[in-house]
PDB file of N, CA and C in Angstrom:
ATOM      1  N   UNK A   1      -8.311 -53.073 -58.490  1.00  0.00           N
ATOM      2  CA  UNK A   1      -7.717 -53.017 -57.195  1.00  0.00           C
ATOM      3  C   UNK A   1      -6.845 -54.253 -57.022  1.00  0.00           C
ATOM      4  N   UNK A   2      -5.729 -53.985 -56.621  1.00  0.00           N
ATOM      5  CA  UNK A   2      -4.762 -55.071 -56.556  1.00  0.00           C
ATOM      6  C   UNK A   2      -4.700 -55.721 -55.188  1.00  0.00           C
ATOM      7  N   UNK A   3      -5.588 -55.424 -54.342  1.00  0.00           N
ATOM      8  CA  UNK A   3      -5.631 -56.053 -53.034  1.00  0.00           C
ATOM      9  C   UNK A   3      -4.774 -55.375 -51.983  1.00  0.00           C
ATOM     10  N   UNK A   4      -4.309 -54.158 -52.260  1.00  0.00           N
ATOM     11  CA  UNK A   4      -3.514 -53.436 -51.261  1.00  0.00           C
ATOM     12  C   UNK A   4      -4.433 -52.901 -50.178  1.00  0.00           C
ATOM     13  N   UNK A   5      -3.952 -52.947 -49.005  1.00  0.00           N
ATOM     14  CA  UNK A   5      -4.739 -52.388 -47.894  1.00  0.00           C
ATOM     15  C   UNK A   5      -4.352 -50.938 -47.717  1.00  0.00           C
ATOM     16  N   UNK A   6      -5.353 -50.150 -47.441  1.00  0.00           N
ATOM     17  CA  UNK A   6      -5.085 -48.739 -47.145  1.00  0.00           C
ATOM     18  C   UNK A   6      -4.571 -48.645 -45.720  1.00  0.00           C
ATOM     19  N   UNK A   7      -3.542 -47.826 -45.553  1.00  0.00           N
ATOM     20  CA  UNK A   7      -3.009 -47.640 -44.209  1.00  0.00           C
ATOM     21  C   UNK A   7      -3.823 -46.565 -43.508  1.00  0.00           C
ATOM     22  N   UNK A   8      -4.235 -46.844 -42.344  1.00  0.00           N
ATOM     23  CA  UNK A   8      -4.961 -45.862 -41.530  1.00  0.00           C
ATOM     24  C   UNK A   8      -3.946 -44.964 -40.839  1.00  0.00           C
ATOM     25  N   UNK A   9      -4.312 -43.695 -40.636  1.00  0.00           N
ATOM     26  CA  UNK A   9      -3.390 -42.810 -39.921  1.00  0.00           C
ATOM     27  C   UNK A   9      -3.176 -43.335 -38.515  1.00  0.00           C
ATOM     28  N   UNK A  10      -1.973 -43.112 -37.977  1.00  0.00           N
ATOM     29  CA  UNK A  10      -1.717 -43.610 -36.621  1.00  0.00           C
ATOM     30  C   UNK A  10      -2.640 -42.918 -35.621  1.00  0.00           C
ATOM     31  N   UNK A  11      -3.139 -43.640 -34.692  1.00  0.00           N
ATOM     32  CA  UNK A  11      -4.029 -43.086 -33.682  1.00  0.00           C
ATOM     33  C   UNK A  11      -3.233 -42.811 -32.414  1.00  0.00           C
ATOM     34  N   UNK A  12      -3.723 -41.830 -31.678  1.00  0.00           N
ATOM     35  CA  UNK A  12      -3.092 -41.469 -30.412  1.00  0.00           C
ATOM     36  C   UNK A  12      -3.620 -42.411 -29.345  1.00  0.00           C
ATOM     37  N   UNK A  13      -2.748 -42.939 -28.528  1.00  0.00           N
ATOM     38  CA  UNK A  13      -3.211 -43.854 -27.479  1.00  0.00           C
ATOM     39  C   UNK A  13      -4.188 -43.163 -26.521  1.00  0.00           C
ATOM     40  N   UNK A  14      -5.114 -43.925 -26.015  1.00  0.00           N
ATOM     41  CA  UNK A  14      -6.152 -43.408 -25.118  1.00  0.00           C
ATOM     42  C   UNK A  14      -5.527 -42.811 -23.861  1.00  0.00           C
ATOM     43  N   UNK A  15      -4.514 -43.416 -23.334  1.00  0.00           N
ATOM     44  CA  UNK A  15      -3.866 -42.908 -22.120  1.00  0.00           C
ATOM     45  C   UNK A  15      -3.274 -41.522 -22.327  1.00  0.00           C
ATOM     46  N   UNK A  16      -2.655 -41.330 -23.497  1.00  0.00           N
ATOM     47  CA  UNK A  16      -2.089 -40.011 -23.799  1.00  0.00           C
ATOM     48  C   UNK A  16      -3.192 -38.968 -23.932  1.00  0.00           C
ATOM     49  N   UNK A  17      -4.308 -39.380 -24.560  1.00  0.00           N
ATOM     50  CA  UNK A  17      -5.446 -38.456 -24.686  1.00  0.00           C
ATOM     51  C   UNK A  17      -5.974 -38.051 -23.310  1.00  0.00           C
ATOM     52  N   UNK A  18      -6.061 -39.001 -22.401  1.00  0.00           N
ATOM     53  CA  UNK A  18      -6.534 -38.690 -21.056  1.00  0.00           C
ATOM     54  C   UNK A  18      -5.557 -37.748 -20.331  1.00  0.00           C
ATOM     55  N   UNK A  19      -4.287 -37.987 -20.493  1.00  0.00           N
ATOM     56  CA  UNK A  19      -3.285 -37.128 -19.857  1.00  0.00           C
ATOM     57  C   UNK A  19      -3.377 -35.703 -20.412  1.00  0.00           C
ATOM     58  N   UNK A  20      -3.518 -35.571 -21.718  1.00  0.00           N
ATOM     59  CA  UNK A  20      -3.644 -34.238 -22.319  1.00  0.00           C
ATOM     60  C   UNK A  20      -4.937 -33.547 -21.888  1.00  0.00           C
ATOM     61  N   UNK A  21      -6.022 -34.304 -21.799  1.00  0.00           N
ATOM     62  CA  UNK A  21      -7.298 -33.727 -21.343  1.00  0.00           C
ATOM     63  C   UNK A  21      -7.177 -33.248 -19.896  1.00  0.00           C
ATOM     64  N   UNK A  22      -6.520 -34.039 -19.061  1.00  0.00           N
ATOM     65  CA  UNK A  22      -6.329 -33.643 -17.655  1.00  0.00           C
ATOM     66  C   UNK A  22      -5.445 -32.394 -17.564  1.00  0.00           C
ATOM     67  N   UNK A  23      -4.438 -32.316 -18.414  1.00  0.00           N
ATOM     68  CA  UNK A  23      -3.568 -31.145 -18.423  1.00  0.00           C
ATOM     69  C   UNK A  23      -4.345 -29.904 -18.840  1.00  0.00           C
ATOM     70  N   UNK A  24      -5.241 -30.047 -19.818  1.00  0.00           N
ATOM     71  CA  UNK A  24      -6.073 -28.902 -20.239  1.00  0.00           C
ATOM     72  C   UNK A  24      -6.992 -28.452 -19.109  1.00  0.00           C
ATOM     73  N   UNK A  25      -7.608 -29.397 -18.418  1.00  0.00           N
ATOM     74  CA  UNK A  25      -8.496 -29.065 -17.296  1.00  0.00           C
ATOM     75  C   UNK A  25      -7.699 -28.406 -16.176  1.00  0.00           C
ATOM     76  N   UNK A  26      -6.527 -28.950 -15.867  1.00  0.00           N
ATOM     77  CA  UNK A  26      -5.694 -28.357 -14.808  1.00  0.00           C
ATOM     78  C   UNK A  26      -5.262 -26.954 -15.189  1.00  0.00           C
ATOM     79  N   UNK A  27      -4.916 -26.751 -16.446  1.00  0.00           N
ATOM     80  CA  UNK A  27      -4.521 -25.427 -16.910  1.00  0.00           C
ATOM     81  C   UNK A  27      -5.689 -24.438 -16.788  1.00  0.00           C
ATOM     82  N   UNK A  28      -6.873 -24.881 -17.179  1.00  0.00           N
ATOM     83  CA  UNK A  28      -8.057 -24.011 -17.058  1.00  0.00           C
ATOM     84  C   UNK A  28      -8.340 -23.664 -15.603  1.00  0.00           C
ATOM     85  N   UNK A  29      -8.209 -24.637 -14.717  1.00  0.00           N
ATOM     86  CA  UNK A  29      -8.439 -24.382 -13.280  1.00  0.00           C
ATOM     87  C   UNK A  29      -7.396 -23.390 -12.749  1.00  0.00           C
ATOM     88  N   UNK A  30      -6.162 -23.524 -13.190  1.00  0.00           N
ATOM     89  CA  UNK A  30      -5.112 -22.608 -12.746  1.00  0.00           C
ATOM     90  C   UNK A  30      -5.403 -21.190 -13.229  1.00  0.00           C
ATOM     91  N   UNK A  31      -5.890 -21.048 -14.443  1.00  0.00           N
ATOM     92  CA  UNK A  31      -6.231 -19.718 -14.966  1.00  0.00           C
ATOM     93  C   UNK A  31      -7.362 -19.103 -14.161  1.00  0.00           C
ATOM     94  N   UNK A  32      -8.395 -19.886 -13.870  1.00  0.00           N
ATOM     95  CA  UNK A  32      -9.521 -19.387 -13.068  1.00  0.00           C
ATOM     96  C   UNK A  32      -9.031 -18.960 -11.685  1.00  0.00           C
ATOM     97  N   UNK A  33      -8.185 -19.774 -11.077  1.00  0.00           N
ATOM     98  CA  UNK A  33      -7.666 -19.461  -9.742  1.00  0.00           C
ATOM     99  C   UNK A  33      -6.842 -18.171  -9.751  1.00  0.00           C
ATOM    100  N   UNK A  34      -5.943 -18.038 -10.718  1.00  0.00           N
ATOM    101  CA  UNK A  34      -5.092 -16.842 -10.743  1.00  0.00           C
ATOM    102  C   UNK A  34      -5.897 -15.589 -11.054  1.00  0.00           C
ATOM    103  N   UNK A  35      -6.907 -15.699 -11.887  1.00  0.00           N
ATOM    104  CA  UNK A  35      -7.744 -14.521 -12.158  1.00  0.00           C
ATOM    105  C   UNK A  35      -8.525 -14.098 -10.918  1.00  0.00           C
ATOM    106  N   UNK A  36      -9.054 -15.069 -10.190  1.00  0.00           N
ATOM    107  CA  UNK A  36      -9.772 -14.754  -8.948  1.00  0.00           C
ATOM    108  C   UNK A  36      -8.829 -14.118  -7.941  1.00  0.00           C
ATOM    109  N   UNK A  37      -7.631 -14.666  -7.839  1.00  0.00           N
ATOM    110  CA  UNK A  37      -6.642 -14.113  -6.917  1.00  0.00           C
ATOM    111  C   UNK A  37      -6.272 -12.689  -7.323  1.00  0.00           C
ATOM    112  N   UNK A  38      -6.145 -12.444  -8.621  1.00  0.00           N
ATOM    113  CA  UNK A  38      -5.827 -11.101  -9.105  1.00  0.00           C
ATOM    114  C   UNK A  38      -6.957 -10.130  -8.761  1.00  0.00           C
ATOM    115  N   UNK A  39      -8.195 -10.578  -8.893  1.00  0.00           N
ATOM    116  CA  UNK A  39      -9.337  -9.712  -8.541  1.00  0.00           C
ATOM    117  C   UNK A  39      -9.322  -9.364  -7.049  1.00  0.00           C
ATOM    118  N   UNK A  40      -9.083 -10.374  -6.217  1.00  0.00           N
ATOM    119  CA  UNK A  40      -9.050 -10.137  -4.767  1.00  0.00           C
ATOM    120  C   UNK A  40      -7.917  -9.183  -4.397  1.00  0.00           C
ATOM    121  N   UNK A  41      -6.764  -9.359  -5.021  1.00  0.00           N
ATOM    122  CA  UNK A  41      -5.638  -8.464  -4.739  1.00  0.00           C
ATOM    123  C   UNK A  41      -5.918  -7.046  -5.219  1.00  0.00           C
ATOM    124  N   UNK A  42      -6.619  -6.910  -6.336  1.00  0.00           N
ATOM    125  CA  UNK A  42      -6.966  -5.579  -6.829  1.00  0.00           C
ATOM    126  C   UNK A  42      -7.927  -4.877  -5.871  1.00  0.00           C
ATOM    127  N   UNK A  43      -8.899  -5.628  -5.357  1.00  0.00           N
ATOM    128  CA  UNK A  43      -9.835  -5.048  -4.383  1.00  0.00           C
ATOM    129  C   UNK A  43      -9.073  -4.612  -3.138  1.00  0.00           C
ATOM    130  N   UNK A  44      -8.139  -5.435  -2.680  1.00  0.00           N
ATOM    131  CA  UNK A  44      -7.327  -5.075  -1.509  1.00  0.00           C
ATOM    132  C   UNK A  44      -6.469  -3.842  -1.802  1.00  0.00           C
ATOM    133  N   UNK A  45      -5.920  -3.775  -3.002  1.00  0.00           N
ATOM    134  CA  UNK A  45      -5.122  -2.609  -3.399  1.00  0.00           C
ATOM    135  C   UNK A  45      -5.954  -1.335  -3.368  1.00  0.00           C
ATOM    136  N   UNK A  46      -7.182  -1.407  -3.872  1.00  0.00           N
ATOM    137  CA  UNK A  46      -8.059  -0.243  -3.869  1.00  0.00           C
ATOM    138  C   UNK A  46      -8.381   0.196  -2.443  1.00  0.00           C
ATOM    139  N   UNK A  47      -8.638  -0.766  -1.571  1.00  0.00           N
ATOM    140  CA  UNK A  47      -8.944  -0.434  -0.177  1.00  0.00           C
ATOM    141  C   UNK A  47      -7.733   0.212   0.493  1.00  0.00           C
ATOM    142  N   UNK A  48      -6.555  -0.344   0.254  1.00  0.00           N
ATOM    143  CA  UNK A  48      -5.344   0.222   0.849  1.00  0.00           C
ATOM    144  C   UNK A  48      -5.024   1.604   0.278  1.00  0.00           C
ATOM    145  N   UNK A  49      -5.317   1.810  -0.992  1.00  0.00           N
ATOM    146  CA  UNK A  49      -5.103   3.135  -1.588  1.00  0.00           C
ATOM    147  C   UNK A  49      -6.035   4.167  -0.958  1.00  0.00           C
ATOM    148  N   UNK A  50      -7.269   3.766  -0.721  1.00  0.00           N
ATOM    149  CA  UNK A  50      -8.220   4.675  -0.067  1.00  0.00           C
ATOM    150  C   UNK A  50      -7.764   4.992   1.351  1.00  0.00           C
ATOM    151  N   UNK A  51      -7.287   3.979   2.059  1.00  0.00           N
ATOM    152  CA  UNK A  51      -6.795   4.196   3.418  1.00  0.00           C
ATOM    153  C   UNK A  51      -5.573   5.108   3.413  1.00  0.00           C
ATOM    154  N   UNK A  52      -4.668   4.905   2.445  1.00  0.00           N
ATOM    155  CA  UNK A  52      -3.483   5.753   2.323  1.00  0.00           C
ATOM    156  C   UNK A  52      -3.877   7.206   2.080  1.00  0.00           C
ATOM    157  N   UNK A  53      -4.859   7.412   1.193  1.00  0.00           N
ATOM    158  CA  UNK A  53      -5.306   8.776   0.910  1.00  0.00           C
ATOM    159  C   UNK A  53      -5.897   9.434   2.152  1.00  0.00           C
ATOM    160  N   UNK A  54      -6.687   8.673   2.910  1.00  0.00           N
ATOM    161  CA  UNK A  54      -7.275   9.212   4.140  1.00  0.00           C
ATOM    162  C   UNK A  54      -6.190   9.547   5.157  1.00  0.00           C
ATOM    163  N   UNK A  55      -5.188   8.680   5.267  1.00  0.00           N
ATOM    164  CA  UNK A  55      -4.094   8.944   6.203  1.00  0.00           C
ATOM    165  C   UNK A  55      -3.260  10.148   5.767  1.00  0.00           C
ATOM    166  N   UNK A  56      -3.078  10.326   4.468  1.00  0.00           N
ATOM    167  CA  UNK A  56      -2.353  11.503   3.981  1.00  0.00           C
ATOM    168  C   UNK A  56      -3.114  12.784   4.296  1.00  0.00           C
ATOM    169  N   UNK A  57      -4.426  12.730   4.196  1.00  0.00           N
ATOM    170  CA  UNK A  57      -5.239  13.904   4.545  1.00  0.00           C
ATOM    171  C   UNK A  57      -5.100  14.213   6.032  1.00  0.00           C
ATOM    172  N   UNK A  58      -5.173  13.173   6.875  1.00  0.00           N
ATOM    173  CA  UNK A  58      -5.004  13.364   8.318  1.00  0.00           C
ATOM    174  C   UNK A  58      -3.615  13.902   8.634  1.00  0.00           C
ATOM    175  N   UNK A  59      -2.590  13.374   7.957  1.00  0.00           N
ATOM    176  CA  UNK A  59      -1.218  13.834   8.184  1.00  0.00           C
ATOM    177  C   UNK A  59      -1.081  15.314   7.855  1.00  0.00           C
ATOM    178  N   UNK A  60      -1.647  15.736   6.743  1.00  0.00           N
ATOM    179  CA  UNK A  60      -1.604  17.153   6.380  1.00  0.00           C
ATOM    180  C   UNK A  60      -2.313  18.016   7.409  1.00  0.00           C
ATOM    181  N   UNK A  61      -3.472  17.542   7.869  1.00  0.00           N
ATOM    182  CA  UNK A  61      -4.219  18.292   8.885  1.00  0.00           C
ATOM    183  C   UNK A  61      -3.410  18.401  10.179  1.00  0.00           C
ATOM    184  N   UNK A  62      -2.766  17.302  10.575  1.00  0.00           N
ATOM    185  CA  UNK A  62      -1.961  17.319  11.798  1.00  0.00           C
ATOM    186  C   UNK A  62      -0.737  18.223  11.667  1.00  0.00           C
ATOM    187  N   UNK A  63      -0.140  18.278  10.487  1.00  0.00           N
ATOM    188  CA  UNK A  63       0.995  19.181  10.288  1.00  0.00           C
ATOM    189  C   UNK A  63       0.559  20.636  10.415  1.00  0.00           C
ATOM    190  N   UNK A  64      -0.585  20.954   9.859  1.00  0.00           N
ATOM    191  CA  UNK A  64      -1.106  22.317   9.981  1.00  0.00           C
ATOM    192  C   UNK A  64      -1.411  22.636  11.436  1.00  0.00           C
ATOM    193  N   UNK A  65      -2.022  21.680  12.133  1.00  0.00           N
ATOM    194  CA  UNK A  65      -2.344  21.867  13.545  1.00  0.00           C
ATOM    195  C   UNK A  65      -1.073  22.056  14.376  1.00  0.00           C
ATOM    196  N   UNK A  66      -0.050  21.262  14.080  1.00  0.00           N
ATOM    197  CA  UNK A  66       1.212  21.385  14.816  1.00  0.00           C
ATOM    198  C   UNK A  66       1.865  22.739  14.563  1.00  0.00           C
ATOM    199  N   UNK A  67       1.833  23.192  13.323  1.00  0.00           N
ATOM    200  CA  UNK A  67       2.443  24.487  13.037  1.00  0.00           C
ATOM    201  C   UNK A  67       1.673  25.617  13.727  1.00  0.00           C
ATOM    202  N   UNK A  68       0.356  25.450  13.873  1.00  0.00           N
ATOM    203  CA  UNK A  68      -0.435  26.465  14.573  1.00  0.00           C
ATOM    204  C   UNK A  68      -0.097  26.488  16.061  1.00  0.00           C
ATOM    205  N   UNK A  69       0.131  25.297  16.645  1.00  0.00           N
ATOM    206  CA  UNK A  69       0.469  25.235  18.069  1.00  0.00           C
ATOM    207  C   UNK A  69       1.880  25.729  18.348  1.00  0.00           C
ATOM    208  N   UNK A  70       2.743  25.685  17.377  1.00  0.00           N
ATOM    209  CA  UNK A  70       4.140  26.028  17.612  1.00  0.00           C
ATOM    210  C   UNK A  70       4.482  27.474  17.257  1.00  0.00           C
ATOM    211  N   UNK A  71       3.504  28.288  16.925  1.00  0.00           N
ATOM    212  CA  UNK A  71       3.815  29.680  16.569  1.00  0.00           C
ATOM    213  C   UNK A  71       4.340  30.415  17.797  1.00  0.00           C
ATOM    214  N   UNK A  72       5.251  31.367  17.551  1.00  0.00           N
ATOM    215  CA  UNK A  72       5.867  32.112  18.654  1.00  0.00           C
ATOM    216  C   UNK A  72       4.830  32.906  19.444  1.00  0.00           C
ATOM    217  N   UNK A  73       3.872  33.468  18.748  1.00  0.00           N
ATOM    218  CA  UNK A  73       2.853  34.261  19.442  1.00  0.00           C
ATOM    219  C   UNK A  73       2.054  33.388  20.407  1.00  0.00           C
ATOM    220  N   UNK A  74       1.705  32.190  19.993  1.00  0.00           N
ATOM    221  CA  UNK A  74       0.933  31.306  20.865  1.00  0.00           C
ATOM    222  C   UNK A  74       1.757  30.868  22.065  1.00  0.00           C
ATOM    223  N   UNK A  75       3.021  30.507  21.828  1.00  0.00           N
ATOM    224  CA  UNK A  75       3.878  30.075  22.926  1.00  0.00           C
ATOM    225  C   UNK A  75       4.065  31.209  23.929  1.00  0.00           C
ATOM    226  N   UNK A  76       4.284  32.408  23.426  1.00  0.00           N
ATOM    227  CA  UNK A  76       4.460  33.536  24.339  1.00  0.00           C
ATOM    228  C   UNK A  76       3.176  33.836  25.104  1.00  0.00           C
ATOM    229  N   UNK A  77       2.039  33.776  24.414  1.00  0.00           N
ATOM    230  CA  UNK A  77       0.750  34.036  25.074  1.00  0.00           C
ATOM    231  C   UNK A  77       0.498  33.013  26.182  1.00  0.00           C
ATOM    232  N   UNK A  78       0.763  31.731  25.914  1.00  0.00           N
ATOM    233  CA  UNK A  78       0.567  30.704  26.939  1.00  0.00           C
ATOM    234  C   UNK A  78       1.559  30.874  28.089  1.00  0.00           C
ATOM    235  N   UNK A  79       2.782  31.270  27.788  1.00  0.00           N
ATOM    236  CA  UNK A  79       3.774  31.484  28.841  1.00  0.00           C
ATOM    237  C   UNK A  79       3.333  32.616  29.766  1.00  0.00           C
ATOM    238  N   UNK A  80       2.805  33.674  29.193  1.00  0.00           N
ATOM    239  CA  UNK A  80       2.342  34.803  30.031  1.00  0.00           C
ATOM    240  C   UNK A  80       1.089  34.435  30.823  1.00  0.00           C
ATOM    241  N   UNK A  81       0.135  33.807  30.152  1.00  0.00           N
ATOM    242  CA  UNK A  81      -1.154  33.549  30.784  1.00  0.00           C
ATOM    243  C   UNK A  81      -1.084  32.390  31.777  1.00  0.00           C
ATOM    244  N   UNK A  82      -0.561  31.243  31.376  1.00  0.00           N
ATOM    245  CA  UNK A  82      -0.630  30.056  32.224  1.00  0.00           C
ATOM    246  C   UNK A  82       0.550  29.915  33.178  1.00  0.00           C
ATOM    247  N   UNK A  83       1.700  30.408  32.785  1.00  0.00           N
ATOM    248  CA  UNK A  83       2.881  30.257  33.639  1.00  0.00           C
ATOM    249  C   UNK A  83       3.311  31.558  34.306  1.00  0.00           C
ATOM    250  N   UNK A  84       2.631  32.629  33.975  1.00  0.00           N
ATOM    251  CA  UNK A  84       2.927  33.958  34.528  1.00  0.00           C
ATOM    252  C   UNK A  84       4.395  34.343  34.285  1.00  0.00           C
ATOM    253  N   UNK A  85       4.894  34.014  33.126  1.00  0.00           N
ATOM    254  CA  UNK A  85       6.266  34.385  32.771  1.00  0.00           C
ATOM    255  C   UNK A  85       6.259  35.747  32.094  1.00  0.00           C
ATOM    256  N   UNK A  86       7.314  36.486  32.310  1.00  0.00           N
ATOM    257  CA  UNK A  86       7.454  37.788  31.669  1.00  0.00           C
ATOM    258  C   UNK A  86       8.851  37.905  31.107  1.00  0.00           C
ATOM    259  N   UNK A  87       9.013  38.789  30.139  1.00  0.00           N
ATOM    260  CA  UNK A  87      10.321  39.031  29.561  1.00  0.00           C
ATOM    261  C   UNK A  87      11.155  39.765  30.610  1.00  0.00           C
ATOM    262  N   UNK A  88      12.401  39.328  30.837  1.00  0.00           N
ATOM    263  CA  UNK A  88      13.225  39.964  31.870  1.00  0.00           C
ATOM    264  C   UNK A  88      13.673  41.365  31.440  1.00  0.00           C
ATOM    265  N   UNK A  89      13.841  42.216  32.449  1.00  0.00           N
ATOM    266  CA  UNK A  89      14.353  43.571  32.196  1.00  0.00           C
ATOM    267  C   UNK A  89      15.827  43.471  31.820  1.00  0.00           C
ATOM    268  N   UNK A  90      16.312  44.468  31.140  1.00  0.00           N
ATOM    269  CA  UNK A  90      17.708  44.468  30.723  1.00  0.00           C
ATOM    270  C   UNK A  90      18.638  44.406  31.920  1.00  0.00           C
ATOM    271  N   UNK A  91      18.261  45.031  33.007  1.00  0.00           N
ATOM    272  CA  UNK A  91      19.119  45.019  34.197  1.00  0.00           C
ATOM    273  C   UNK A  91      19.168  43.644  34.867  1.00  0.00           C
ATOM    274  N   UNK A  92      18.191  42.772  34.563  1.00  0.00           N
ATOM    275  CA  UNK A  92      18.167  41.431  35.154  1.00  0.00           C
ATOM    276  C   UNK A  92      18.900  40.384  34.323  1.00  0.00           C
ATOM    277  N   UNK A  93      19.449  40.800  33.184  1.00  0.00           N
ATOM    278  CA  UNK A  93      20.126  39.847  32.293  1.00  0.00           C
ATOM    279  C   UNK A  93      21.617  39.901  32.576  1.00  0.00           C
ATOM    280  N   UNK A  94      22.217  38.752  32.799  1.00  0.00           N
ATOM    281  CA  UNK A  94      23.667  38.627  33.033  1.00  0.00           C
ATOM    282  C   UNK A  94      24.257  37.781  31.941  1.00  0.00           C
ATOM    283  N   UNK A  95      25.341  38.238  31.372  1.00  0.00           N
ATOM    284  CA  UNK A  95      26.019  37.487  30.333  1.00  0.00           C
ATOM    285  C   UNK A  95      27.202  36.772  30.958  1.00  0.00           C
ATOM    286  N   UNK A  96      27.245  35.489  30.781  1.00  0.00           N
ATOM    287  CA  UNK A  96      28.314  34.662  31.342  1.00  0.00           C
ATOM    288  C   UNK A  96      29.261  34.316  30.213  1.00  0.00           C
ATOM    289  N   UNK A  97      30.526  34.669  30.400  1.00  0.00           N
ATOM    290  CA  UNK A  97      31.529  34.388  29.366  1.00  0.00           C
ATOM    291  C   UNK A  97      32.360  33.212  29.805  1.00  0.00           C
ATOM    292  N   UNK A  98      32.670  32.313  28.881  1.00  0.00           N
ATOM    293  CA  UNK A  98      33.542  31.184  29.246  1.00  0.00           C
ATOM    294  C   UNK A  98      34.952  31.667  29.491  1.00  0.00           C
ATOM    295  N   UNK A  99      35.637  31.013  30.361  1.00  0.00           N
ATOM    296  CA  UNK A  99      37.004  31.423  30.705  1.00  0.00           C
ATOM    297  C   UNK A  99      38.017  30.930  29.725  1.00  0.00           C
TER     298      UNK A  99
END
């Protein structure tokens, strides 16, 4: 041995190691936070989808109900029964022509 010293590999400064460790911890915390937020948003999405489906069912039911109330037979029956209206005789109809 000729008295040469072995060179040690360069070491990373302690401050840089601490900064990198803090960055890893912050990154992990951000991942945990975003995953939790994604779960909460998914639960909200499911609830809103269920509400939308229920409202669509109600809307369909209301459309059917409205079409039942608007039938000509029902309107005529209510006009005769509740308002005592009758179809006019041909002799009671006057046609007005514009001049």
